C-alpha atoms as a PDB file:
ATOM      1  CA  MET A   1      76.038  31.467  64.979  1.00  0.00           C
ATOM      2  CA  ALA A   2      77.082  32.813  68.345  1.00  0.00           C
ATOM      3  CA  PHE A   3      80.753  32.381  67.475  1.00  0.00           C
ATOM      4  CA  LYS A   4      80.447  34.450  64.301  1.00  0.00           C
ATOM      5  CA  VAL A   5      78.478  37.193  66.078  1.00  0.00           C
ATOM      6  CA  ALA A   6      80.889  37.057  69.023  1.00  0.00           C
ATOM      7  CA  LEU A   7      83.735  37.976  66.700  1.00  0.00           C
ATOM      8  CA  LYS A   8      81.927  41.247  66.067  1.00  0.00           C
ATOM      9  CA  SER A   9      80.558  41.857  69.553  1.00  0.00           C
ATOM     10  CA  LYS A  10      80.239  39.701  72.654  1.00  0.00           C
ATOM     11  CA  ALA A  11      77.331  41.850  73.835  1.00  0.00           C
ATOM     12  CA  THR A  12      75.455  41.258  70.574  1.00  0.00           C
ATOM     13  CA  ALA A  13      76.183  37.539  70.730  1.00  0.00           C
ATOM     14  CA  GLY A  14      74.757  37.376  74.253  1.00  0.00           C
ATOM     15  CA  LEU A  15      71.672  39.354  73.277  1.00  0.00           C
ATOM     16  CA  TYR A  16      71.101  37.139  70.236  1.00  0.00           C
ATOM     17  CA  LEU A  17      71.447  33.964  72.293  1.00  0.00           C
ATOM     18  CA  GLN A  18      68.994  35.315  74.853  1.00  0.00           C
ATOM     19  CA  SER A  19      66.564  36.256  72.069  1.00  0.00           C
ATOM     20  CA  LEU A  20      66.810  32.828  70.469  1.00  0.00           C
ATOM     21  CA  SER A  21      66.255  31.245  73.862  1.00  0.00           C
ATOM     22  CA  VAL A  22      63.031  33.204  74.379  1.00  0.00           C
ATOM     23  CA  TYR A  23      61.774  32.217  70.922  1.00  0.00           C
ATOM     24  CA  TRP A  24      62.685  28.573  71.502  1.00  0.00           C
ATOM     25  CA  ARG A  25      61.276  28.253  75.034  1.00  0.00           C
ATOM     26  CA  HIS A  26      58.037  30.141  74.473  1.00  0.00           C
ATOM     27  CA  TRP A  27      57.170  29.155  70.911  1.00  0.00           C
ATOM     28  CA  LEU A  28      59.233  26.708  68.909  1.00  0.00           C
ATOM     29  CA  SER A  29      59.598  24.066  71.619  1.00  0.00           C
ATOM     30  CA  ARG A  30      55.828  23.575  71.504  1.00  0.00           C
ATOM     31  CA  ARG A  31      56.083  22.394  67.885  1.00  0.00           C
ATOM     32  CA  PHE A  32      59.548  20.898  67.526  1.00  0.00           C
ATOM     33  CA  ALA A  33      61.429  18.325  69.590  1.00  0.00           C
ATOM     34  CA  SER A  34      64.745  20.137  69.142  1.00  0.00           C
ATOM     35  CA  ILE A  35      66.409  23.034  67.390  1.00  0.00           C
ATOM     36  CA  PRO A  36      67.909  20.675  64.771  1.00  0.00           C
ATOM     37  CA  LYS A  37      64.349  19.457  64.013  1.00  0.00           C
ATOM     38  CA  TRP A  38      63.219  23.057  63.542  1.00  0.00           C
ATOM     39  CA  LEU A  39      66.214  23.761  61.306  1.00  0.00           C
ATOM     40  CA  GLU A  40      65.361  20.696  59.220  1.00  0.00           C
ATOM     41  CA  PHE A  41      61.775  21.944  58.875  1.00  0.00           C
ATOM     42  CA  VAL A  42      62.957  25.387  57.726  1.00  0.00           C
ATOM     43  CA  LYS A  43      65.486  23.792  55.356  1.00  0.00           C
ATOM     44  CA  GLU A  44      62.789  21.623  53.809  1.00  0.00           C
ATOM     45  CA  SER A  45      60.413  24.563  53.460  1.00  0.00           C
ATOM     46  CA  GLN A  46      63.100  26.462  51.531  1.00  0.00           C
ATOM     47  CA  ARG A  47      62.904  23.806  48.800  1.00  0.00           C
ATOM     48  CA  ALA A  48      59.192  24.406  48.181  1.00  0.00           C
ATOM     49  CA  GLU A  49      58.020  26.014  44.965  1.00  0.00           C
ATOM     50  CA  ASP A  50      55.411  28.083  46.817  1.00  0.00           C
ATOM     51  CA  VAL A  51      56.846  31.356  48.136  1.00  0.00           C
ATOM     52  CA  LYS A  52      54.446  31.336  51.099  1.00  0.00           C
ATOM     53  CA  THR A  53      55.901  28.023  52.216  1.00  0.00           C
ATOM     54  CA  ARG A  54      59.465  29.330  51.821  1.00  0.00           C
ATOM     55  CA  ARG A  55      58.527  32.374  53.921  1.00  0.00           C
ATOM     56  CA  SER A  56      56.785  30.340  56.625  1.00  0.00           C
ATOM     57  CA  TRP A  57      59.744  30.761  58.986  1.00  0.00           C
ATOM     58  CA  GLY A  58      59.069  34.533  58.889  1.00  0.00           C
ATOM     59  CA  THR A  59      55.299  34.365  59.243  1.00  0.00           C
ATOM     60  CA  ASP A  60      55.695  32.003  62.194  1.00  0.00           C
ATOM     61  CA  LEU A  61      58.202  34.342  63.839  1.00  0.00           C
ATOM     62  CA  GLU A  62      55.959  37.346  63.181  1.00  0.00           C
ATOM     63  CA  THR A  63      53.028  35.569  64.831  1.00  0.00           C
ATOM     64  CA  PHE A  64      55.153  34.884  67.913  1.00  0.00           C
ATOM     65  CA  LEU A  65      56.414  38.473  68.084  1.00  0.00           C
ATOM     66  CA  HIS A  66      52.865  39.852  68.110  1.00  0.00           C
ATOM     67  CA  GLN A  67      51.276  37.248  70.404  1.00  0.00           C
ATOM     68  CA  TYR A  68      53.941  36.733  73.056  1.00  0.00           C
ATOM     69  CA  ILE A  69      53.445  38.454  76.386  1.00  0.00           C
ATOM     70  CA  SER A  70      56.504  38.708  78.589  1.00  0.00           C
ATOM     71  CA  ASN A  71      56.354  36.743  81.822  1.00  0.00           C
ATOM     72  CA  ARG A  72      58.357  39.470  83.539  1.00  0.00           C
ATOM     73  CA  THR A  73      56.521  42.595  82.358  1.00  0.00           C
ATOM     74  CA  LYS A  74      53.124  41.030  81.575  1.00  0.00           C
ATOM     75  CA  ARG A  75      53.101  43.090  78.369  1.00  0.00           C
ATOM     76  CA  HIS A  76      53.604  42.541  74.666  1.00  0.00           C
ATOM     77  CA  LEU A  77      57.119  42.998  73.344  1.00  0.00           C
ATOM     78  CA  THR A  78      58.194  46.468  72.267  1.00  0.00           C
ATOM     79  CA  SER A  79      59.037  47.056  68.629  1.00  0.00           C
ATOM     80  CA  GLU A  80      62.726  47.353  69.581  1.00  0.00           C
ATOM     81  CA  THR A  81      62.687  43.941  71.273  1.00  0.00           C
ATOM     82  CA  ARG A  82      60.806  42.449  68.327  1.00  0.00           C
ATOM     83  CA  ASN A  83      63.488  43.800  66.027  1.00  0.00           C
ATOM     84  CA  VAL A  84      66.285  42.224  68.097  1.00  0.00           C
ATOM     85  CA  ILE A  85      64.554  38.835  68.176  1.00  0.00           C
ATOM     86  CA  ALA A  86      63.822  38.968  64.444  1.00  0.00           C
ATOM     87  CA  SER A  87      67.453  39.869  63.694  1.00  0.00           C
ATOM     88  CA  ALA A  88      68.723  37.084  65.946  1.00  0.00           C
ATOM     89  CA  VAL A  89      66.497  34.464  64.304  1.00  0.00           C
ATOM     90  CA  ARG A  90      67.327  35.619  60.779  1.00  0.00           C
ATOM     91  CA  SER A  91      71.049  35.648  61.585  1.00  0.00           C
ATOM     92  CA  PHE A  92      70.873  32.187  63.131  1.00  0.00           C
ATOM     93  CA  LEU A  93      69.010  30.709  60.170  1.00  0.00           C
ATOM     94  CA  GLU A  94      71.371  32.267  57.650  1.00  0.00           C
ATOM     95  CA  ASN A  95      74.376  31.013  59.600  1.00  0.00           C
ATOM     96  CA  GLN A  96      72.975  27.492  59.848  1.00  0.00           C
ATOM     97  CA  LEU A  97      71.258  27.141  56.468  1.00  0.00           C
ATOM     98  CA  GLY A  98      72.678  29.819  54.185  1.00  0.00           C
ATOM     99  CA  ASP A  99      70.201  32.004  52.362  1.00  0.00           C
ATOM    100  CA  VAL A 100      66.590  31.729  53.494  1.00  0.00           C
ATOM    101  CA  GLN A 101      63.622  33.258  51.699  1.00  0.00           C
ATOM    102  CA  SER A 102      63.400  36.871  52.796  1.00  0.00           C
ATOM    103  CA  TYR A 103      60.384  38.023  54.742  1.00  0.00           C
ATOM    104  CA  SER A 104      59.655  41.570  55.837  1.00  0.00           C
ATOM    105  CA  ILE A 105      58.400  41.294  59.398  1.00  0.00           C
ATOM    106  CA  THR A 106      55.985  43.969  60.571  1.00  0.00           C
ATOM    107  CA  LEU A 107      57.361  44.932  63.961  1.00  0.00           C
ATOM    108  CA  ALA A 108      54.568  47.299  65.040  1.00  0.00           C
ATOM    109  CA  ASP A 109      51.656  49.267  63.729  1.00  0.00           C
ATOM    110  CA  ARG A 110      51.551  53.059  63.852  1.00  0.00           C
ATOM    111  CA  ASP A 111      49.478  53.164  67.056  1.00  0.00           C
ATOM    112  CA  GLN A 112      51.979  50.986  68.902  1.00  0.00           C
ATOM    113  CA  LEU A 113      54.930  53.091  67.726  1.00  0.00           C
ATOM    114  CA  VAL A 114      53.197  56.283  68.895  1.00  0.00           C
ATOM    115  CA  ALA A 115      52.364  54.713  72.266  1.00  0.00           C
ATOM    116  CA  GLU A 116      55.973  53.553  72.716  1.00  0.00           C
ATOM    117  CA  ALA A 117      57.290  57.028  71.877  1.00  0.00           C
ATOM    118  CA  ARG A 118      54.932  58.610  74.434  1.00  0.00           C
ATOM    119  CA  GLU A 119      56.013  56.117  77.075  1.00  0.00           C
ATOM    120  CA  ARG A 120      59.705  56.877  76.441  1.00  0.00           C
ATOM    121  CA  GLU A 121      59.025  60.623  76.704  1.00  0.00           C
ATOM    122  CA  GLU A 122      57.219  60.169  80.012  1.00  0.00           C
ATOM    123  CA  ARG A 123      60.032  58.043  81.445  1.00  0.00           C
ATOM    124  CA  LEU A 124      62.971  60.231  80.497  1.00  0.00           C
ATOM    125  CA  PRO A 125      63.602  63.256  82.703  1.00  0.00           C
ATOM    126  CA  LEU A 126      63.886  66.620  81.025  1.00  0.00           C
ATOM    127  CA  ARG A 127      67.309  68.187  81.026  1.00  0.00           C
ATOM    128  CA  LEU A 128      68.608  71.554  80.012  1.00  0.00           C
ATOM    129  CA  ASP A 129      71.391  71.921  77.505  1.00  0.00           C
ATOM    130  CA  ILE A 130      73.428  74.696  79.088  1.00  0.00           C
ATOM    131  CA  SER A 131      76.496  74.323  76.921  1.00  0.00           C
ATOM    132  CA  HIS A 132      76.029  77.739  75.325  1.00  0.00           C
ATOM    133  CA  PRO A 133      79.196  79.882  75.233  1.00  0.00           C
END
């Protein structure tokens, strides 16, 4: 996966690897002995007739994204970080397994998005655009 992403952007490849590492270390490693074991589980679930089973990779990821609290910031992940992790996991699975059952991950509710927007506004300094002729 990283090689294919690296052809497009080394920065994206690094970010995806870091995102996958967080997901592995803080979630998947508690349930699976190795990444190949997790991939085998996802591959097997894709063969199920039940759509909920085929989408279990996404519901599991969504649960992690909403429950995980960063060791560094002591806060839940932002919607932007959730999006990066979700994209990295989806890309990795598709690269390793081919098509996987799609799942629309809810990255944040309205209240969280509003709170994040307020926080960004409070952090960024105001600046004047004085480029008028």
